[in-house]
């Protein structure tokens, strides 16, 4: 069976969409944005990666209602406890 685009996006998002800050807090804070970028690339890969020169002005739009983005609120308070040494510099 194939993985849903949403699950693939959650797996590959942090790897494919990086920021200059590479710490746990930053990763969790920007998770919804990274996830959405990668999910959109997967769902509309034929549009993004086609060789067709004239695709028109409009970018693809999801017809169905967007699925909820994973809730990150509960992850943020716990980062300090799980961060590897060096991630939470100056804390503790």
N, C-alpha and C. Protein backbone atom coordinates (compact mmCIF):
# COMPACT_ATOMS: atom_id res chain seq x y z
N UNK A 1 0.84 -1.20 0.00
CA UNK A 1 0.00 0.00 0.00
C UNK A 1 0.88 1.25 0.00
N UNK A 2 0.35 2.30 -0.59
CA UNK A 2 1.10 3.55 -0.67
C UNK A 2 0.86 4.40 0.56
N UNK A 3 1.87 5.16 0.95
CA UNK A 3 1.71 6.09 2.05
C UNK A 3 0.96 7.33 1.56
N UNK A 4 0.14 7.87 2.43
CA UNK A 4 -0.58 9.10 2.11
C UNK A 4 0.43 10.24 1.95
N UNK A 5 0.13 11.21 1.06
CA UNK A 5 1.01 12.38 0.90
C UNK A 5 1.28 13.07 2.24
N UNK A 6 0.25 13.11 3.10
CA UNK A 6 0.40 13.79 4.39
C UNK A 6 1.47 13.09 5.25
N UNK A 7 1.47 11.76 5.26
CA UNK A 7 2.45 11.03 6.06
C UNK A 7 3.86 11.16 5.48
N UNK A 8 3.95 11.11 4.15
CA UNK A 8 5.24 11.31 3.50
C UNK A 8 5.79 12.69 3.83
N UNK A 9 4.89 13.67 3.83
CA UNK A 9 5.31 15.05 4.12
C UNK A 9 5.84 15.17 5.54
N UNK A 10 5.20 14.47 6.47
CA UNK A 10 5.67 14.52 7.86
C UNK A 10 7.04 13.89 8.02
N UNK A 11 7.28 12.84 7.23
CA UNK A 11 8.56 12.13 7.31
C UNK A 11 9.67 12.95 6.65
N UNK A 12 9.41 13.46 5.46
CA UNK A 12 10.46 14.11 4.68
C UNK A 12 10.56 15.62 4.90
N UNK A 13 9.52 16.24 5.45
CA UNK A 13 9.51 17.69 5.64
C UNK A 13 10.75 18.25 6.32
N UNK A 14 11.12 17.71 7.51
CA UNK A 14 12.27 18.27 8.22
C UNK A 14 13.58 18.12 7.46
N UNK A 15 13.68 17.12 6.60
CA UNK A 15 14.90 16.90 5.84
C UNK A 15 14.96 17.78 4.60
N UNK A 16 13.83 17.92 3.91
CA UNK A 16 13.81 18.64 2.64
C UNK A 16 13.73 20.15 2.82
N UNK A 17 13.06 20.60 3.86
CA UNK A 17 12.89 22.03 4.08
C UNK A 17 13.62 22.41 5.37
N UNK A 18 14.81 22.95 5.22
CA UNK A 18 15.65 23.28 6.39
C UNK A 18 15.71 24.79 6.57
N UNK A 19 15.97 25.19 7.80
CA UNK A 19 16.23 26.60 8.07
C UNK A 19 17.67 26.73 8.54
N UNK A 20 18.15 27.96 8.67
CA UNK A 20 19.53 28.15 9.10
C UNK A 20 19.72 27.73 10.56
N UNK A 21 18.64 27.86 11.35
CA UNK A 21 18.70 27.42 12.74
C UNK A 21 18.39 25.94 12.79
N UNK A 22 19.32 25.14 13.23
CA UNK A 22 19.08 23.70 13.22
C UNK A 22 18.95 23.17 14.65
N UNK A 23 17.91 23.62 15.35
CA UNK A 23 17.69 23.13 16.70
C UNK A 23 16.27 22.60 16.84
N UNK A 24 16.01 21.90 17.94
CA UNK A 24 14.72 21.24 18.12
C UNK A 24 13.57 22.23 18.19
N UNK A 25 13.76 23.34 18.88
CA UNK A 25 12.67 24.32 19.00
C UNK A 25 12.27 24.83 17.63
N UNK A 26 13.26 25.16 16.82
CA UNK A 26 13.01 25.66 15.47
C UNK A 26 12.31 24.60 14.63
N UNK A 27 12.77 23.36 14.75
CA UNK A 27 12.16 22.28 13.97
C UNK A 27 10.68 22.11 14.29
N UNK A 28 10.36 22.13 15.57
CA UNK A 28 8.96 21.93 15.97
C UNK A 28 8.11 23.15 15.62
N UNK A 29 8.66 24.34 15.82
CA UNK A 29 7.90 25.56 15.55
C UNK A 29 7.49 25.65 14.08
N UNK A 30 8.39 25.26 13.19
CA UNK A 30 8.13 25.40 11.75
C UNK A 30 7.61 24.12 11.10
N UNK A 31 7.33 23.11 11.93
CA UNK A 31 6.86 21.84 11.39
C UNK A 31 5.63 21.97 10.48
N UNK A 32 4.60 22.73 10.89
CA UNK A 32 3.41 22.81 10.02
C UNK A 32 3.73 23.40 8.64
N UNK A 33 4.61 24.41 8.60
CA UNK A 33 4.96 25.02 7.31
C UNK A 33 5.73 24.05 6.44
N UNK A 34 6.71 23.38 7.03
CA UNK A 34 7.51 22.42 6.27
C UNK A 34 6.64 21.29 5.74
N UNK A 35 5.76 20.82 6.61
CA UNK A 35 4.86 19.74 6.23
C UNK A 35 3.99 20.14 5.05
N UNK A 36 3.45 21.35 5.09
CA UNK A 36 2.54 21.81 4.03
C UNK A 36 3.28 21.99 2.71
N UNK A 37 4.50 22.50 2.76
CA UNK A 37 5.29 22.68 1.53
C UNK A 37 5.51 21.33 0.86
N UNK A 38 5.97 20.36 1.63
CA UNK A 38 6.28 19.05 1.06
C UNK A 38 5.02 18.34 0.61
N UNK A 39 3.94 18.45 1.38
CA UNK A 39 2.68 17.82 0.99
C UNK A 39 2.19 18.38 -0.34
N UNK A 40 2.31 19.69 -0.51
CA UNK A 40 1.87 20.32 -1.76
C UNK A 40 2.71 19.84 -2.94
N UNK A 41 4.03 19.73 -2.74
CA UNK A 41 4.90 19.23 -3.80
C UNK A 41 4.52 17.81 -4.21
N UNK A 42 4.17 16.98 -3.21
CA UNK A 42 3.81 15.59 -3.50
C UNK A 42 2.46 15.53 -4.22
N UNK A 43 1.47 16.25 -3.70
CA UNK A 43 0.13 16.18 -4.27
C UNK A 43 0.06 16.72 -5.69
N UNK A 44 0.90 17.70 -5.99
CA UNK A 44 0.85 18.33 -7.31
C UNK A 44 2.16 18.13 -8.07
N UNK A 45 2.79 17.00 -7.85
CA UNK A 45 4.10 16.74 -8.47
C UNK A 45 4.02 16.82 -9.99
N UNK A 46 2.90 16.38 -10.56
CA UNK A 46 2.78 16.42 -12.02
C UNK A 46 2.80 17.86 -12.52
N UNK A 47 2.28 18.80 -11.74
CA UNK A 47 2.29 20.21 -12.14
C UNK A 47 3.68 20.82 -11.93
N UNK A 48 4.27 20.57 -10.76
CA UNK A 48 5.56 21.17 -10.44
C UNK A 48 6.69 20.64 -11.31
N UNK A 49 6.65 19.35 -11.61
CA UNK A 49 7.80 18.72 -12.26
C UNK A 49 7.56 18.31 -13.71
N UNK A 50 6.48 18.81 -14.32
CA UNK A 50 6.23 18.45 -15.71
C UNK A 50 7.12 19.28 -16.63
N UNK A 51 7.34 18.78 -17.84
CA UNK A 51 8.15 19.49 -18.82
C UNK A 51 7.32 20.47 -19.64
N UNK A 52 6.03 20.49 -19.39
CA UNK A 52 5.13 21.36 -20.12
C UNK A 52 5.52 22.81 -19.90
N UNK A 53 5.70 23.56 -20.98
CA UNK A 53 6.20 24.93 -20.83
C UNK A 53 5.10 25.90 -20.43
N UNK A 54 3.90 25.75 -21.00
CA UNK A 54 2.83 26.68 -20.68
C UNK A 54 1.82 26.02 -19.76
N UNK A 55 2.01 26.23 -18.47
CA UNK A 55 1.11 25.61 -17.48
C UNK A 55 -0.01 26.57 -17.11
N UNK A 56 0.02 27.77 -17.67
CA UNK A 56 -0.97 28.76 -17.28
C UNK A 56 -0.48 29.55 -16.08
N UNK A 57 -1.21 30.59 -15.75
CA UNK A 57 -0.81 31.48 -14.66
C UNK A 57 -1.04 30.86 -13.29
N UNK A 58 -2.08 30.04 -13.21
CA UNK A 58 -2.51 29.57 -11.89
C UNK A 58 -1.74 28.37 -11.39
N UNK A 59 -1.44 28.42 -10.12
CA UNK A 59 -0.84 27.26 -9.45
C UNK A 59 -1.98 26.33 -9.03
N UNK A 60 -1.67 25.06 -8.82
CA UNK A 60 -2.73 24.12 -8.45
C UNK A 60 -3.34 24.44 -7.09
N UNK A 61 -4.62 24.16 -6.96
CA UNK A 61 -5.32 24.42 -5.70
C UNK A 61 -5.98 23.13 -5.25
N UNK A 62 -5.94 22.86 -3.96
CA UNK A 62 -6.61 21.68 -3.44
C UNK A 62 -8.11 21.92 -3.44
N UNK A 63 -8.84 20.99 -4.06
CA UNK A 63 -10.29 21.12 -4.11
C UNK A 63 -10.90 20.76 -2.76
N UNK A 64 -10.44 19.65 -2.20
CA UNK A 64 -11.01 19.21 -0.93
C UNK A 64 -10.47 20.05 0.22
N UNK A 65 -11.20 20.05 1.30
CA UNK A 65 -10.80 20.85 2.46
C UNK A 65 -9.46 20.36 2.99
N UNK A 66 -8.63 21.30 3.36
CA UNK A 66 -7.30 20.96 3.85
C UNK A 66 -7.39 20.15 5.14
N UNK A 67 -6.55 19.13 5.24
CA UNK A 67 -6.50 18.35 6.48
C UNK A 67 -5.81 19.18 7.55
N UNK A 68 -6.17 18.91 8.79
CA UNK A 68 -5.56 19.69 9.85
C UNK A 68 -4.07 19.36 9.96
N UNK A 69 -3.30 20.37 10.24
CA UNK A 69 -1.86 20.22 10.41
C UNK A 69 -1.62 19.62 11.79
N UNK A 70 -0.61 18.77 11.93
CA UNK A 70 -0.34 18.18 13.24
C UNK A 70 -0.20 19.25 14.32
N UNK A 71 -0.78 18.98 15.47
CA UNK A 71 -0.74 19.94 16.57
C UNK A 71 0.63 19.95 17.23
N UNK A 72 1.28 21.13 17.24
CA UNK A 72 2.63 21.21 17.80
C UNK A 72 2.66 21.81 19.19
N UNK A 73 1.52 22.31 19.64
CA UNK A 73 1.49 23.02 20.93
C UNK A 73 2.01 22.15 22.07
N UNK A 74 1.65 20.88 22.07
CA UNK A 74 2.05 20.02 23.18
C UNK A 74 3.51 19.59 23.08
N UNK A 75 4.14 19.75 21.90
CA UNK A 75 5.53 19.35 21.73
C UNK A 75 6.51 20.40 22.29
N UNK A 76 6.17 21.66 22.12
CA UNK A 76 7.10 22.73 22.48
C UNK A 76 7.57 22.70 23.93
N UNK A 77 6.68 22.52 24.92
CA UNK A 77 7.16 22.54 26.31
C UNK A 77 8.10 21.39 26.64
N UNK A 78 8.04 20.31 25.88
CA UNK A 78 8.83 19.12 26.20
C UNK A 78 10.18 19.07 25.51
N UNK A 79 10.46 20.03 24.65
CA UNK A 79 11.70 19.99 23.88
C UNK A 79 12.94 20.03 24.77
N UNK A 80 12.93 20.90 25.77
CA UNK A 80 14.08 21.03 26.64
C UNK A 80 14.47 19.71 27.30
N UNK A 81 13.47 18.88 27.57
CA UNK A 81 13.73 17.62 28.26
C UNK A 81 14.32 16.56 27.34
N UNK A 82 13.99 16.66 26.04
CA UNK A 82 14.41 15.61 25.12
C UNK A 82 15.57 16.04 24.23
N UNK A 83 15.92 17.32 24.24
CA UNK A 83 16.96 17.83 23.35
C UNK A 83 18.31 17.20 23.67
N UNK A 84 19.05 16.96 22.63
CA UNK A 84 20.40 16.41 22.81
C UNK A 84 21.29 17.46 23.42
N UNK A 85 22.34 17.06 24.12
CA UNK A 85 23.27 18.05 24.69
C UNK A 85 23.80 18.97 23.60
N UNK A 86 23.74 20.27 23.88
CA UNK A 86 24.21 21.24 22.88
C UNK A 86 23.06 21.89 22.14
N UNK A 87 21.91 21.20 22.07
CA UNK A 87 20.74 21.78 21.40
C UNK A 87 20.17 22.93 22.21
N UNK A 88 20.05 22.72 23.52
CA UNK A 88 19.47 23.74 24.38
C UNK A 88 20.60 24.49 25.10
N UNK A 89 21.38 25.19 24.33
CA UNK A 89 22.55 25.88 24.89
C UNK A 89 22.11 26.99 25.85
N UNK A 90 22.74 27.02 27.01
CA UNK A 90 22.45 28.08 27.97
C UNK A 90 21.27 27.79 28.85
N UNK A 91 20.54 26.68 28.58
CA UNK A 91 19.37 26.37 29.40
C UNK A 91 19.76 25.34 30.47
N UNK A 92 18.96 25.35 31.55
CA UNK A 92 19.19 24.31 32.56
C UNK A 92 19.71 24.89 33.78
